[in-house]
PDB file of N, CA and C in Angstrom:
ATOM      1  N   MET A   1      20.147 -44.569 -58.196  1.00  0.00           N
ATOM      2  CA  MET A   1      20.778 -44.638 -59.504  1.00  0.00           C
ATOM      3  C   MET A   1      21.323 -43.263 -59.907  1.00  0.00           C
ATOM      4  N   ASN A   2      20.602 -42.193 -59.529  1.00  0.00           N
ATOM      5  CA  ASN A   2      21.092 -40.856 -59.851  1.00  0.00           C
ATOM      6  C   ASN A   2      22.450 -40.601 -59.214  1.00  0.00           C
ATOM      7  N   ARG A   3      22.619 -41.058 -57.993  1.00  0.00           N
ATOM      8  CA  ARG A   3      23.897 -40.870 -57.299  1.00  0.00           C
ATOM      9  C   ARG A   3      25.017 -41.615 -58.013  1.00  0.00           C
ATOM     10  N   ILE A   4      24.749 -42.832 -58.444  1.00  0.00           N
ATOM     11  CA  ILE A   4      25.744 -43.622 -59.170  1.00  0.00           C
ATOM     12  C   ILE A   4      26.136 -42.906 -60.459  1.00  0.00           C
ATOM     13  N   ILE A   5      25.161 -42.401 -61.191  1.00  0.00           N
ATOM     14  CA  ILE A   5      25.425 -41.708 -62.449  1.00  0.00           C
ATOM     15  C   ILE A   5      26.268 -40.463 -62.212  1.00  0.00           C
ATOM     16  N   LEU A   6      25.901 -39.652 -61.231  1.00  0.00           N
ATOM     17  CA  LEU A   6      26.655 -38.426 -60.970  1.00  0.00           C
ATOM     18  C   LEU A   6      28.055 -38.711 -60.443  1.00  0.00           C
ATOM     19  N   ASP A   7      28.212 -39.698 -59.584  1.00  0.00           N
ATOM     20  CA  ASP A   7      29.538 -40.058 -59.088  1.00  0.00           C
ATOM     21  C   ASP A   7      30.433 -40.573 -60.211  1.00  0.00           C
ATOM     22  N   THR A   8      29.872 -41.387 -61.079  1.00  0.00           N
ATOM     23  CA  THR A   8      30.641 -41.910 -62.207  1.00  0.00           C
ATOM     24  C   THR A   8      31.012 -40.798 -63.176  1.00  0.00           C
ATOM     25  N   ALA A   9      30.085 -39.897 -63.458  1.00  0.00           N
ATOM     26  CA  ALA A   9      30.370 -38.763 -64.345  1.00  0.00           C
ATOM     27  C   ALA A   9      31.475 -37.887 -63.765  1.00  0.00           C
ATOM     28  N   CYS A  10      31.424 -37.646 -62.468  1.00  0.00           N
ATOM     29  CA  CYS A  10      32.469 -36.863 -61.808  1.00  0.00           C
ATOM     30  C   CYS A  10      33.818 -37.562 -61.932  1.00  0.00           C
ATOM     31  N   THR A  11      33.833 -38.860 -61.746  1.00  0.00           N
ATOM     32  CA  THR A  11      35.068 -39.632 -61.830  1.00  0.00           C
ATOM     33  C   THR A  11      35.666 -39.594 -63.234  1.00  0.00           C
ATOM     34  N   ILE A  12      34.834 -39.776 -64.262  1.00  0.00           N
ATOM     35  CA  ILE A  12      35.393 -39.784 -65.615  1.00  0.00           C
ATOM     36  C   ILE A  12      35.855 -38.388 -66.029  1.00  0.00           C
ATOM     37  N   MET A  13      35.241 -37.344 -65.483  1.00  0.00           N
ATOM     38  CA  MET A  13      35.708 -35.985 -65.766  1.00  0.00           C
ATOM     39  C   MET A  13      37.061 -35.732 -65.115  1.00  0.00           C
ATOM     40  N   ILE A  14      37.238 -36.202 -63.890  1.00  0.00           N
ATOM     41  CA  ILE A  14      38.516 -36.030 -63.201  1.00  0.00           C
ATOM     42  C   ILE A  14      39.608 -36.835 -63.894  1.00  0.00           C
ATOM     43  N   GLU A  15      39.338 -38.087 -64.219  1.00  0.00           N
ATOM     44  CA  GLU A  15      40.326 -38.942 -64.871  1.00  0.00           C
ATOM     45  C   GLU A  15      40.679 -38.446 -66.273  1.00  0.00           C
ATOM     46  N   GLY A  16      39.700 -37.901 -66.981  1.00  0.00           N
ATOM     47  CA  GLY A  16      39.940 -37.401 -68.323  1.00  0.00           C
ATOM     48  C   GLY A  16      40.487 -35.985 -68.355  1.00  0.00           C
ATOM     49  N   LYS A  17      40.573 -35.352 -67.166  1.00  0.00           N
ATOM     50  CA  LYS A  17      41.066 -33.968 -67.054  1.00  0.00           C
ATOM     51  C   LYS A  17      40.278 -33.033 -67.971  1.00  0.00           C
ATOM     52  N   VAL A  18      38.959 -33.136 -67.874  1.00  0.00           N
ATOM     53  CA  VAL A  18      38.043 -32.351 -68.696  1.00  0.00           C
ATOM     54  C   VAL A  18      37.446 -31.243 -67.842  1.00  0.00           C
ATOM     55  N   ALA A  19      37.235 -30.070 -68.442  1.00  0.00           N
ATOM     56  CA  ALA A  19      36.660 -28.928 -67.730  1.00  0.00           C
ATOM     57  C   ALA A  19      35.249 -29.246 -67.245  1.00  0.00           C
ATOM     58  N   HIS A  20      34.845 -28.598 -66.167  1.00  0.00           N
ATOM     59  CA  HIS A  20      33.527 -28.834 -65.579  1.00  0.00           C
ATOM     60  C   HIS A  20      32.384 -28.405 -66.493  1.00  0.00           C
ATOM     61  N   THR A  21      32.668 -27.633 -67.510  1.00  0.00           N
ATOM     62  CA  THR A  21      31.607 -27.207 -68.429  1.00  0.00           C
ATOM     63  C   THR A  21      31.079 -28.368 -69.266  1.00  0.00           C
ATOM     64  N   TYR A  22      31.797 -29.474 -69.298  1.00  0.00           N
ATOM     65  CA  TYR A  22      31.379 -30.639 -70.078  1.00  0.00           C
ATOM     66  C   TYR A  22      30.679 -31.693 -69.217  1.00  0.00           C
ATOM     67  N   TRP A  23      30.074 -31.283 -68.108  1.00  0.00           N
ATOM     68  CA  TRP A  23      29.434 -32.239 -67.217  1.00  0.00           C
ATOM     69  C   TRP A  23      28.257 -32.942 -67.881  1.00  0.00           C
ATOM     70  N   ARG A  24      27.552 -32.249 -68.784  1.00  0.00           N
ATOM     71  CA  ARG A  24      26.419 -32.902 -69.484  1.00  0.00           C
ATOM     72  C   ARG A  24      26.905 -34.055 -70.346  1.00  0.00           C
ATOM     73  N   ASP A  25      28.017 -33.846 -71.033  1.00  0.00           N
ATOM     74  CA  ASP A  25      28.582 -34.912 -71.864  1.00  0.00           C
ATOM     75  C   ASP A  25      29.032 -36.094 -71.010  1.00  0.00           C
ATOM     76  N   ALA A  26      29.587 -35.805 -69.846  1.00  0.00           N
ATOM     77  CA  ALA A  26      30.020 -36.869 -68.942  1.00  0.00           C
ATOM     78  C   ALA A  26      28.828 -37.682 -68.454  1.00  0.00           C
ATOM     79  N   VAL A  27      27.734 -37.018 -68.104  1.00  0.00           N
ATOM     80  CA  VAL A  27      26.526 -37.718 -67.647  1.00  0.00           C
ATOM     81  C   VAL A  27      25.938 -38.547 -68.788  1.00  0.00           C
ATOM     82  N   ASN A  28      25.866 -37.984 -69.980  1.00  0.00           N
ATOM     83  CA  ASN A  28      25.335 -38.733 -71.132  1.00  0.00           C
ATOM     84  C   ASN A  28      26.183 -39.958 -71.437  1.00  0.00           C
ATOM     85  N   THR A  29      27.498 -39.817 -71.366  1.00  0.00           N
ATOM     86  CA  THR A  29      28.396 -40.941 -71.619  1.00  0.00           C
ATOM     87  C   THR A  29      28.238 -42.010 -70.548  1.00  0.00           C
ATOM     88  N   THR A  30      28.071 -41.589 -69.316  1.00  0.00           N
ATOM     89  CA  THR A  30      27.865 -42.534 -68.217  1.00  0.00           C
ATOM     90  C   THR A  30      26.581 -43.341 -68.422  1.00  0.00           C
ATOM     91  N   VAL A  31      25.495 -42.684 -68.736  1.00  0.00           N
ATOM     92  CA  VAL A  31      24.219 -43.376 -68.955  1.00  0.00           C
ATOM     93  C   VAL A  31      24.316 -44.302 -70.166  1.00  0.00           C
ATOM     94  N   TYR A  32      24.955 -43.827 -71.233  1.00  0.00           N
ATOM     95  CA  TYR A  32      25.140 -44.642 -72.432  1.00  0.00           C
ATOM     96  C   TYR A  32      25.888 -45.930 -72.091  1.00  0.00           C
ATOM     97  N   THR A  33      26.944 -45.796 -71.305  1.00  0.00           N
ATOM     98  CA  THR A  33      27.757 -46.947 -70.935  1.00  0.00           C
ATOM     99  C   THR A  33      26.992 -47.891 -70.002  1.00  0.00           C
ATOM    100  N   ILE A  34      26.328 -47.346 -69.002  1.00  0.00           N
ATOM    101  CA  ILE A  34      25.577 -48.180 -68.051  1.00  0.00           C
ATOM    102  C   ILE A  34      24.489 -48.968 -68.774  1.00  0.00           C
ATOM    103  N   ASN A  35      23.814 -48.365 -69.740  1.00  0.00           N
ATOM    104  CA  ASN A  35      22.750 -49.060 -70.466  1.00  0.00           C
ATOM    105  C   ASN A  35      23.264 -50.224 -71.299  1.00  0.00           C
ATOM    106  N   ARG A  36      24.563 -50.256 -71.569  1.00  0.00           N
ATOM    107  CA  ARG A  36      25.117 -51.322 -72.392  1.00  0.00           C
ATOM    108  C   ARG A  36      25.923 -52.357 -71.613  1.00  0.00           C
ATOM    109  N   ILE A  37      26.265 -52.079 -70.350  1.00  0.00           N
ATOM    110  CA  ILE A  37      27.100 -53.043 -69.628  1.00  0.00           C
ATOM    111  C   ILE A  37      26.497 -53.547 -68.322  1.00  0.00           C
ATOM    112  N   GLN A  38      25.598 -52.807 -67.696  1.00  0.00           N
ATOM    113  CA  GLN A  38      25.077 -53.204 -66.390  1.00  0.00           C
ATOM    114  C   GLN A  38      23.875 -54.122 -66.542  1.00  0.00           C
ATOM    115  N   LEU A  39      23.940 -55.277 -65.895  1.00  0.00           N
ATOM    116  CA  LEU A  39      22.845 -56.234 -65.960  1.00  0.00           C
ATOM    117  C   LEU A  39      21.714 -55.812 -65.039  1.00  0.00           C
ATOM    118  N   ARG A  40      20.493 -56.013 -65.489  1.00  0.00           N
ATOM    119  CA  ARG A  40      19.309 -55.706 -64.676  1.00  0.00           C
ATOM    120  C   ARG A  40      19.046 -56.877 -63.731  1.00  0.00           C
ATOM    121  N   PRO A  41      18.712 -56.601 -62.488  1.00  0.00           N
ATOM    122  CA  PRO A  41      18.424 -57.683 -61.537  1.00  0.00           C
ATOM    123  C   PRO A  41      17.237 -58.536 -61.998  1.00  0.00           C
ATOM    124  N   GLY A  42      17.399 -59.835 -61.907  1.00  0.00           N
ATOM    125  CA  GLY A  42      16.314 -60.749 -62.234  1.00  0.00           C
ATOM    126  C   GLY A  42      16.201 -61.086 -63.709  1.00  0.00           C
ATOM    127  N   ALA A  43      16.707 -60.240 -64.592  1.00  0.00           N
ATOM    128  CA  ALA A  43      16.582 -60.493 -66.022  1.00  0.00           C
ATOM    129  C   ALA A  43      17.891 -61.001 -66.625  1.00  0.00           C
ATOM    130  N   ASN A  44      19.013 -60.725 -65.964  1.00  0.00           N
ATOM    131  CA  ASN A  44      20.346 -61.070 -66.483  1.00  0.00           C
ATOM    132  C   ASN A  44      20.552 -60.556 -67.900  1.00  0.00           C
ATOM    133  N   LYS A  45      19.984 -59.399 -68.182  1.00  0.00           N
ATOM    134  CA  LYS A  45      20.155 -58.729 -69.469  1.00  0.00           C
ATOM    135  C   LYS A  45      20.419 -57.251 -69.215  1.00  0.00           C
ATOM    136  N   THR A  46      21.077 -56.627 -70.167  1.00  0.00           N
ATOM    137  CA  THR A  46      21.303 -55.187 -70.072  1.00  0.00           C
ATOM    138  C   THR A  46      20.046 -54.451 -70.513  1.00  0.00           C
ATOM    139  N   PRO A  47      19.890 -53.191 -70.137  1.00  0.00           N
ATOM    140  CA  PRO A  47      18.738 -52.430 -70.615  1.00  0.00           C
ATOM    141  C   PRO A  47      18.671 -52.393 -72.143  1.00  0.00           C
ATOM    142  N   TYR A  48      19.825 -52.322 -72.808  1.00  0.00           N
ATOM    143  CA  TYR A  48      19.859 -52.317 -74.270  1.00  0.00           C
ATOM    144  C   TYR A  48      19.236 -53.597 -74.823  1.00  0.00           C
ATOM    145  N   GLU A  49      19.576 -54.747 -74.230  1.00  0.00           N
ATOM    146  CA  GLU A  49      19.000 -56.023 -74.667  1.00  0.00           C
ATOM    147  C   GLU A  49      17.496 -56.052 -74.463  1.00  0.00           C
ATOM    148  N   LEU A  50      17.035 -55.516 -73.352  1.00  0.00           N
ATOM    149  CA  LEU A  50      15.600 -55.509 -73.082  1.00  0.00           C
ATOM    150  C   LEU A  50      14.846 -54.608 -74.056  1.00  0.00           C
ATOM    151  N   TRP A  51      15.451 -53.488 -74.456  1.00  0.00           N
ATOM    152  CA  TRP A  51      14.780 -52.559 -75.371  1.00  0.00           C
ATOM    153  C   TRP A  51      14.815 -53.036 -76.821  1.00  0.00           C
ATOM    154  N   PHE A  52      15.970 -53.527 -77.263  1.00  0.00           N
ATOM    155  CA  PHE A  52      16.154 -53.827 -78.687  1.00  0.00           C
ATOM    156  C   PHE A  52      16.216 -55.309 -79.018  1.00  0.00           C
ATOM    157  N   GLY A  53      16.368 -56.175 -78.025  1.00  0.00           N
ATOM    158  CA  GLY A  53      16.331 -57.609 -78.280  1.00  0.00           C
ATOM    159  C   GLY A  53      17.634 -58.227 -78.740  1.00  0.00           C
ATOM    160  N   ASN A  54      18.704 -57.474 -78.833  1.00  0.00           N
ATOM    161  CA  ASN A  54      19.986 -58.056 -79.224  1.00  0.00           C
ATOM    162  C   ASN A  54      21.086 -57.587 -78.272  1.00  0.00           C
ATOM    163  N   VAL A  55      22.178 -58.338 -78.240  1.00  0.00           N
ATOM    164  CA  VAL A  55      23.285 -58.040 -77.338  1.00  0.00           C
ATOM    165  C   VAL A  55      24.078 -56.859 -77.890  1.00  0.00           C
ATOM    166  N   PRO A  56      24.351 -55.848 -77.046  1.00  0.00           N
ATOM    167  CA  PRO A  56      25.117 -54.691 -77.527  1.00  0.00           C
ATOM    168  C   PRO A  56      26.595 -55.030 -77.674  1.00  0.00           C
ATOM    169  N   THR A  57      27.250 -54.365 -78.599  1.00  0.00           N
ATOM    170  CA  THR A  57      28.690 -54.505 -78.753  1.00  0.00           C
ATOM    171  C   THR A  57      29.359 -53.347 -78.017  1.00  0.00           C
ATOM    172  N   ILE A  58      30.452 -53.648 -77.352  1.00  0.00           N
ATOM    173  CA  ILE A  58      31.154 -52.594 -76.614  1.00  0.00           C
ATOM    174  C   ILE A  58      32.598 -52.449 -77.082  1.00  0.00           C
ATOM    175  N   LYS A  59      32.950 -53.062 -78.198  1.00  0.00           N
ATOM    176  CA  LYS A  59      34.335 -53.013 -78.661  1.00  0.00           C
ATOM    177  C   LYS A  59      34.750 -51.619 -79.134  1.00  0.00           C
ATOM    178  N   TYR A  60      33.813 -50.732 -79.386  1.00  0.00           N
ATOM    179  CA  TYR A  60      34.141 -49.397 -79.853  1.00  0.00           C
ATOM    180  C   TYR A  60      34.249 -48.386 -78.713  1.00  0.00           C
ATOM    181  N   PHE A  61      34.063 -48.810 -77.460  1.00  0.00           N
ATOM    182  CA  PHE A  61      34.128 -47.877 -76.327  1.00  0.00           C
ATOM    183  C   PHE A  61      35.495 -47.221 -76.244  1.00  0.00           C
ATOM    184  N   LYS A  62      35.500 -45.951 -75.953  1.00  0.00           N
ATOM    185  CA  LYS A  62      36.726 -45.161 -75.807  1.00  0.00           C
ATOM    186  C   LYS A  62      36.757 -44.537 -74.421  1.00  0.00           C
ATOM    187  N   THR A  63      37.934 -44.097 -74.008  1.00  0.00           N
ATOM    188  CA  THR A  63      38.108 -43.432 -72.718  1.00  0.00           C
ATOM    189  C   THR A  63      37.662 -41.985 -72.829  1.00  0.00           C
ATOM    190  N   PHE A  64      36.811 -41.543 -71.921  1.00  0.00           N
ATOM    191  CA  PHE A  64      36.287 -40.180 -71.922  1.00  0.00           C
ATOM    192  C   PHE A  64      37.428 -39.197 -71.705  1.00  0.00           C
ATOM    193  N   GLY A  65      37.500 -38.181 -72.554  1.00  0.00           N
ATOM    194  CA  GLY A  65      38.480 -37.114 -72.391  1.00  0.00           C
ATOM    195  C   GLY A  65      39.818 -37.347 -73.072  1.00  0.00           C
ATOM    196  N   ILE A  66      39.971 -38.470 -73.805  1.00  0.00           N
ATOM    197  CA  ILE A  66      41.257 -38.703 -74.455  1.00  0.00           C
ATOM    198  C   ILE A  66      41.402 -37.827 -75.687  1.00  0.00           C
ATOM    199  N   LYS A  67      42.642 -37.552 -76.050  1.00  0.00           N
ATOM    200  CA  LYS A  67      42.926 -36.761 -77.236  1.00  0.00           C
ATOM    201  C   LYS A  67      42.859 -37.684 -78.457  1.00  0.00           C
ATOM    202  N   TYR A  68      42.260 -37.189 -79.522  1.00  0.00           N
ATOM    203  CA  TYR A  68      42.228 -37.952 -80.760  1.00  0.00           C
ATOM    204  C   TYR A  68      42.314 -36.989 -81.933  1.00  0.00           C
ATOM    205  N   TYR A  69      42.441 -37.531 -83.109  1.00  0.00           N
ATOM    206  CA  TYR A  69      42.624 -36.720 -84.309  1.00  0.00           C
ATOM    207  C   TYR A  69      41.474 -36.955 -85.276  1.00  0.00           C
ATOM    208  N   ILE A  70      40.979 -35.866 -85.851  1.00  0.00           N
ATOM    209  CA  ILE A  70      39.865 -35.916 -86.787  1.00  0.00           C
ATOM    210  C   ILE A  70      40.436 -35.668 -88.180  1.00  0.00           C
ATOM    211  N   LYS A  71      40.287 -36.632 -89.065  1.00  0.00           N
ATOM    212  CA  LYS A  71      40.825 -36.499 -90.412  1.00  0.00           C
ATOM    213  C   LYS A  71      40.009 -35.490 -91.205  1.00  0.00           C
ATOM    214  N   ARG A  72      40.690 -34.609 -91.899  1.00  0.00           N
ATOM    215  CA  ARG A  72      40.028 -33.617 -92.740  1.00  0.00           C
ATOM    216  C   ARG A  72      39.597 -34.257 -94.052  1.00  0.00           C
ATOM    217  N   ASP A  73      38.386 -33.926 -94.500  1.00  0.00           N
ATOM    218  CA  ASP A  73      37.878 -34.482 -95.749  1.00  0.00           C
ATOM    219  C   ASP A  73      38.237 -33.623 -96.951  1.00  0.00           C
ATOM    220  N   GLU A  74      38.419 -32.317 -96.734  1.00  0.00           N
ATOM    221  CA  GLU A  74      38.697 -31.439 -97.862  1.00  0.00           C
ATOM    222  C   GLU A  74      40.130 -31.652 -98.363  1.00  0.00           C
ATOM    223  N   ALA A  75      40.369 -31.231 -99.577  1.00  0.00           N
ATOM    224  CA  ALA A  75      41.695 -31.368-100.177  1.00  0.00           C
ATOM    225  C   ALA A  75      42.677 -30.462 -99.436  1.00  0.00           C
ATOM    226  N   VAL A  76      43.835 -31.018 -99.105  1.00  0.00           N
ATOM    227  CA  VAL A  76      44.864 -30.256 -98.412  1.00  0.00           C
ATOM    228  C   VAL A  76      46.138 -30.273 -99.241  1.00  0.00           C
ATOM    229  N   GLY A  77      46.966 -29.272 -99.004  1.00  0.00           N
ATOM    230  CA  GLY A  77      48.235 -29.198 -99.719  1.00  0.00           C
ATOM    231  C   GLY A  77      49.215 -30.256 -99.229  1.00  0.00           C
ATOM    232  N   LYS A  78      50.320 -30.358 -99.912  1.00  0.00           N
ATOM    233  CA  LYS A  78      51.297 -31.385 -99.615  1.00  0.00           C
ATOM    234  C   LYS A  78      51.866 -31.261 -98.201  1.00  0.00           C
ATOM    235  N   PHE A  79      52.073 -30.046 -97.725  1.00  0.00           N
ATOM    236  CA  PHE A  79      52.680 -29.835 -96.416  1.00  0.00           C
ATOM    237  C   PHE A  79      51.688 -29.324 -95.363  1.00  0.00           C
ATOM    238  N   ASP A  80      50.399 -29.343 -95.673  1.00  0.00           N
ATOM    239  CA  ASP A  80      49.377 -28.909 -94.724  1.00  0.00           C
ATOM    240  C   ASP A  80      49.025 -30.046 -93.763  1.00  0.00           C
ATOM    241  N   GLU A  81      48.478 -29.667 -92.620  1.00  0.00           N
ATOM    242  CA  GLU A  81      48.021 -30.674 -91.669  1.00  0.00           C
ATOM    243  C   GLU A  81      46.826 -31.425 -92.245  1.00  0.00           C
ATOM    244  N   ARG A  82      46.781 -32.714 -92.038  1.00  0.00           N
ATOM    245  CA  ARG A  82      45.714 -33.540 -92.582  1.00  0.00           C
ATOM    246  C   ARG A  82      44.663 -33.898 -91.529  1.00  0.00           C
ATOM    247  N   SER A  83      44.856 -33.407 -90.304  1.00  0.00           N
ATOM    248  CA  SER A  83      43.882 -33.701 -89.247  1.00  0.00           C
ATOM    249  C   SER A  83      43.810 -32.551 -88.255  1.00  0.00           C
ATOM    250  N   ASP A  84      42.730 -32.550 -87.479  1.00  0.00           N
ATOM    251  CA  ASP A  84      42.530 -31.589 -86.400  1.00  0.00           C
ATOM    252  C   ASP A  84      42.548 -32.340 -85.071  1.00  0.00           C
ATOM    253  N   ASP A  85      42.995 -31.665 -84.019  1.00  0.00           N
ATOM    254  CA  ASP A  85      42.979 -32.262 -82.687  1.00  0.00           C
ATOM    255  C   ASP A  85      41.570 -32.217 -82.120  1.00  0.00           C
ATOM    256  N   GLY A  86      41.252 -33.184 -81.296  1.00  0.00           N
ATOM    257  CA  GLY A  86      39.950 -33.202 -80.649  1.00  0.00           C
ATOM    258  C   GLY A  86      40.024 -33.913 -79.313  1.00  0.00           C
ATOM    259  N   ILE A  87      38.952 -33.806 -78.546  1.00  0.00           N
ATOM    260  CA  ILE A  87      38.834 -34.502 -77.264  1.00  0.00           C
ATOM    261  C   ILE A  87      37.549 -35.314 -77.323  1.00  0.00           C
ATOM    262  N   PHE A  88      37.638 -36.588 -76.937  1.00  0.00           N
ATOM    263  CA  PHE A  88      36.467 -37.442 -76.957  1.00  0.00           C
ATOM    264  C   PHE A  88      35.546 -37.076 -75.805  1.00  0.00           C
ATOM    265  N   LEU A  89      34.306 -36.665 -76.147  1.00  0.00           N
ATOM    266  CA  LEU A  89      33.338 -36.242 -75.139  1.00  0.00           C
ATOM    267  C   LEU A  89      32.065 -37.082 -75.131  1.00  0.00           C
ATOM    268  N   GLY A  90      32.038 -38.194 -75.816  1.00  0.00           N
ATOM    269  CA  GLY A  90      30.854 -39.052 -75.737  1.00  0.00           C
ATOM    270  C   GLY A  90      30.448 -39.639 -77.064  1.00  0.00           C
ATOM    271  N   TYR A  91      29.350 -40.343 -77.005  1.00  0.00           N
ATOM    272  CA  TYR A  91      28.818 -41.067 -78.146  1.00  0.00           C
ATOM    273  C   TYR A  91      27.644 -40.325 -78.742  1.00  0.00           C
ATOM    274  N   PRO A  92      27.278 -40.616 -79.990  1.00  0.00           N
ATOM    275  CA  PRO A  92      26.127 -39.940 -80.594  1.00  0.00           C
ATOM    276  C   PRO A  92      24.837 -40.286 -79.841  1.00  0.00           C
ATOM    277  N   THR A  93      23.917 -39.346 -79.843  1.00  0.00           N
ATOM    278  CA  THR A  93      22.674 -39.560 -79.111  1.00  0.00           C
ATOM    279  C   THR A  93      21.668 -40.381 -79.898  1.00  0.00           C
ATOM    280  N   LYS A  94      21.770 -40.425 -81.208  1.00  0.00           N
ATOM    281  CA  LYS A  94      20.869 -41.236 -82.019  1.00  0.00           C
ATOM    282  C   LYS A  94      21.417 -42.646 -82.122  1.00  0.00           C
ATOM    283  N   ILE A  95      20.506 -43.620 -82.082  1.00  0.00           N
ATOM    284  CA  ILE A  95      20.915 -45.023 -82.178  1.00  0.00           C
ATOM    285  C   ILE A  95      20.725 -45.508 -83.575  1.00  0.00           C
TER     286      ILE A  95
END
């Protein structure tokens, strides 16, 4: 399983064109995704279902390394930028 996780993390880093310094985020995202989509042998349930008892939703999944915009909450002027650029590096660690 460790090999699968590391190979997948390497793949999403290459596809997302993300620097190697973000390898921890890639591994965390890989494990997060595997826990919600991969069925366990014999149980026909995902690890998330086995731990929490309900089916996980995956409609919010995003592509690792894509560019996105973060809306600013503070008041901005009429001609000021209303968002900051960002790169998606994973999901929150708290459930």
